[in-house]
Each structure stands twice: as C-alpha cells, then as structure tokens.
Amino acid sequence: MSSAPRLEGQRPDIDAHNGYPLVHTVSAGTVPLVCFLLEHSASPRQRDALAVRIVIKRRDLSMVCLLVEPPGAPPDETTFPIF
C-alpha cells in the first residue's frame, strides 16, 4: 500500500510555479495542451505575459489569439477590421 497522501477533493494549481506550465507548453507549441490549460483557468498574464510575448516573437498569430481572446468570444470588428 502506498504511503503517499491522497488529494481527494483538491485540484492542482494550474498556475503553479508562476505560470510555468503554460509558458513551457506555449514554447513547445503544443496547442491541445495549451487549450487544456486555458480551459482550466491558466492565466497568460503570469510572468509578465511571457507566454504571449513568446508567441508574438515567433509570429504565431493563431496562438496569440488563443491566449488573448476568451474562448467562444465573437471577433471584435472594431479591433480587427476586415477590409
């Protein structure tokens, strides 16, 4: 029998280590895991928005949108006008 403590009823902190899980996942470009973390309330604002700055530097617009737009939000035509 294991002597490890059980964590019944407790959820892990998705922003543990100052947002490291999201930053590392964004750096690896693993979109499904980024989506999972965001769905479980990971904050792209951790570490002075390092996750966002990484994808901007890589010029990955789809990942930038994933990080800064709330899921299911309609596009804001005033922010991104269509010409």
C-alpha atoms as a PDB file:
ATOM      1  CA  MET A   1       0.000   0.000   0.000  1.00  0.00           C
ATOM      2  CA  SER A   2       1.303   3.465  -0.885  1.00  0.00           C
ATOM      3  CA  SER A   3       2.045   5.955   1.874  1.00  0.00           C
ATOM      4  CA  ALA A   4       1.624   8.962  -0.446  1.00  0.00           C
ATOM      5  CA  PRO A   5      -1.049  11.435   0.694  1.00  0.00           C
ATOM      6  CA  ARG A   6      -4.295  11.401  -1.258  1.00  0.00           C
ATOM      7  CA  LEU A   7      -5.561  14.615  -2.803  1.00  0.00           C
ATOM      8  CA  GLU A   8      -9.244  13.817  -2.851  1.00  0.00           C
ATOM      9  CA  GLY A   9     -11.345  16.904  -3.435  1.00  0.00           C
ATOM     10  CA  GLN A  10      -8.307  19.068  -4.159  1.00  0.00           C
ATOM     11  CA  ARG A  11      -7.390  20.402  -7.592  1.00  0.00           C
ATOM     12  CA  PRO A  12      -3.825  21.175  -8.578  1.00  0.00           C
ATOM     13  CA  ASP A  13      -2.925  24.829  -9.067  1.00  0.00           C
ATOM     14  CA  ILE A  14      -2.887  25.278 -12.840  1.00  0.00           C
ATOM     15  CA  ASP A  15      -0.744  28.425 -12.446  1.00  0.00           C
ATOM     16  CA  ALA A  16       1.779  26.706 -10.203  1.00  0.00           C
ATOM     17  CA  HIS A  17       5.332  27.971 -10.296  1.00  0.00           C
ATOM     18  CA  ASN A  18       4.246  31.380 -11.531  1.00  0.00           C
ATOM     19  CA  GLY A  19       2.680  30.134 -14.759  1.00  0.00           C
ATOM     20  CA  TYR A  20       5.499  27.803 -15.794  1.00  0.00           C
ATOM     21  CA  PRO A  21       3.208  25.048 -17.208  1.00  0.00           C
ATOM     22  CA  LEU A  22       1.583  27.418 -19.726  1.00  0.00           C
ATOM     23  CA  VAL A  23       4.856  29.108 -20.668  1.00  0.00           C
ATOM     24  CA  HIS A  24       6.561  25.751 -21.271  1.00  0.00           C
ATOM     25  CA  THR A  25       3.612  24.388 -23.253  1.00  0.00           C
ATOM     26  CA  VAL A  26       3.444  27.516 -25.428  1.00  0.00           C
ATOM     27  CA  SER A  27       7.193  27.278 -26.019  1.00  0.00           C
ATOM     28  CA  ALA A  28       6.747  23.687 -27.195  1.00  0.00           C
ATOM     29  CA  GLY A  29       3.849  24.717 -29.462  1.00  0.00           C
ATOM     30  CA  THR A  30       1.549  22.014 -28.108  1.00  0.00           C
ATOM     31  CA  VAL A  31      -1.832  23.542 -28.977  1.00  0.00           C
ATOM     32  CA  PRO A  32      -4.068  20.846 -27.416  1.00  0.00           C
ATOM     33  CA  LEU A  33      -2.257  21.145 -24.087  1.00  0.00           C
ATOM     34  CA  VAL A  34      -2.360  24.962 -24.250  1.00  0.00           C
ATOM     35  CA  CYS A  35      -6.132  24.712 -24.777  1.00  0.00           C
ATOM     36  CA  PHE A  36      -6.423  22.311 -21.843  1.00  0.00           C
ATOM     37  CA  LEU A  37      -4.513  24.647 -19.536  1.00  0.00           C
ATOM     38  CA  LEU A  38      -6.553  27.673 -20.631  1.00  0.00           C
ATOM     39  CA  GLU A  39      -9.818  25.762 -20.154  1.00  0.00           C
ATOM     40  CA  HIS A  40      -8.688  25.029 -16.607  1.00  0.00           C
ATOM     41  CA  SER A  41      -8.036  28.715 -15.848  1.00  0.00           C
ATOM     42  CA  ALA A  42      -4.323  29.040 -16.606  1.00  0.00           C
ATOM     43  CA  SER A  43      -3.504  32.724 -16.909  1.00  0.00           C
ATOM     44  CA  PRO A  44      -1.441  34.032 -19.830  1.00  0.00           C
ATOM     45  CA  ARG A  45      -0.746  37.096 -17.637  1.00  0.00           C
ATOM     46  CA  GLN A  46       1.645  35.180 -15.394  1.00  0.00           C
ATOM     47  CA  ARG A  47       5.339  36.109 -15.571  1.00  0.00           C
ATOM     48  CA  ASP A  48       4.546  39.478 -17.154  1.00  0.00           C
ATOM     49  CA  ALA A  49       2.661  37.756 -20.003  1.00  0.00           C
ATOM     50  CA  LEU A  50       5.723  35.721 -21.009  1.00  0.00           C
ATOM     51  CA  ALA A  51       3.595  33.138 -22.851  1.00  0.00           C
ATOM     52  CA  VAL A  52       2.078  35.875 -25.009  1.00  0.00           C
ATOM     53  CA  ARG A  53       5.445  37.503 -25.652  1.00  0.00           C
ATOM     54  CA  ILE A  54       6.906  34.153 -26.758  1.00  0.00           C
ATOM     55  CA  VAL A  55       4.241  33.571 -29.406  1.00  0.00           C
ATOM     56  CA  ILE A  56       4.421  37.185 -30.590  1.00  0.00           C
ATOM     57  CA  LYS A  57       8.156  36.788 -31.098  1.00  0.00           C
ATOM     58  CA  ARG A  58       7.502  33.564 -33.048  1.00  0.00           C
ATOM     59  CA  ARG A  59       4.846  35.430 -35.063  1.00  0.00           C
ATOM     60  CA  ASP A  60       2.262  32.766 -34.304  1.00  0.00           C
ATOM     61  CA  LEU A  61      -0.953  34.756 -34.679  1.00  0.00           C
ATOM     62  CA  SER A  62      -3.265  31.795 -34.069  1.00  0.00           C
ATOM     63  CA  MET A  63      -1.576  31.079 -30.727  1.00  0.00           C
ATOM     64  CA  VAL A  64      -1.663  34.800 -29.796  1.00  0.00           C
ATOM     65  CA  CYS A  65      -5.416  34.809 -30.428  1.00  0.00           C
ATOM     66  CA  LEU A  66      -5.796  31.634 -28.401  1.00  0.00           C
ATOM     67  CA  LEU A  67      -4.051  33.251 -25.444  1.00  0.00           C
ATOM     68  CA  VAL A  68      -5.635  36.704 -25.501  1.00  0.00           C
ATOM     69  CA  GLU A  69      -9.199  36.065 -26.678  1.00  0.00           C
ATOM     70  CA  PRO A  70     -11.670  34.412 -24.336  1.00  0.00           C
ATOM     71  CA  PRO A  71     -12.911  31.053 -25.645  1.00  0.00           C
ATOM     72  CA  GLY A  72     -16.095  31.356 -27.671  1.00  0.00           C
ATOM     73  CA  ALA A  73     -15.872  35.139 -27.907  1.00  0.00           C
ATOM     74  CA  PRO A  74     -17.068  36.612 -31.200  1.00  0.00           C
ATOM     75  CA  PRO A  75     -14.447  38.523 -33.188  1.00  0.00           C
ATOM     76  CA  ASP A  76     -14.340  42.209 -32.346  1.00  0.00           C
ATOM     77  CA  GLU A  77     -14.698  44.031 -35.656  1.00  0.00           C
ATOM     78  CA  THR A  78     -13.504  47.292 -34.150  1.00  0.00           C
ATOM     79  CA  THR A  79     -10.200  45.686 -33.141  1.00  0.00           C
ATOM     80  CA  PHE A  80      -9.605  43.637 -36.277  1.00  0.00           C
ATOM     81  CA  PRO A  81     -11.351  45.430 -39.146  1.00  0.00           C
ATOM     82  CA  ILE A  82     -11.904  43.489 -42.345  1.00  0.00           C
ATOM     83  CA  PHE A  83     -11.004  45.495 -45.424  1.00  0.00           C
END
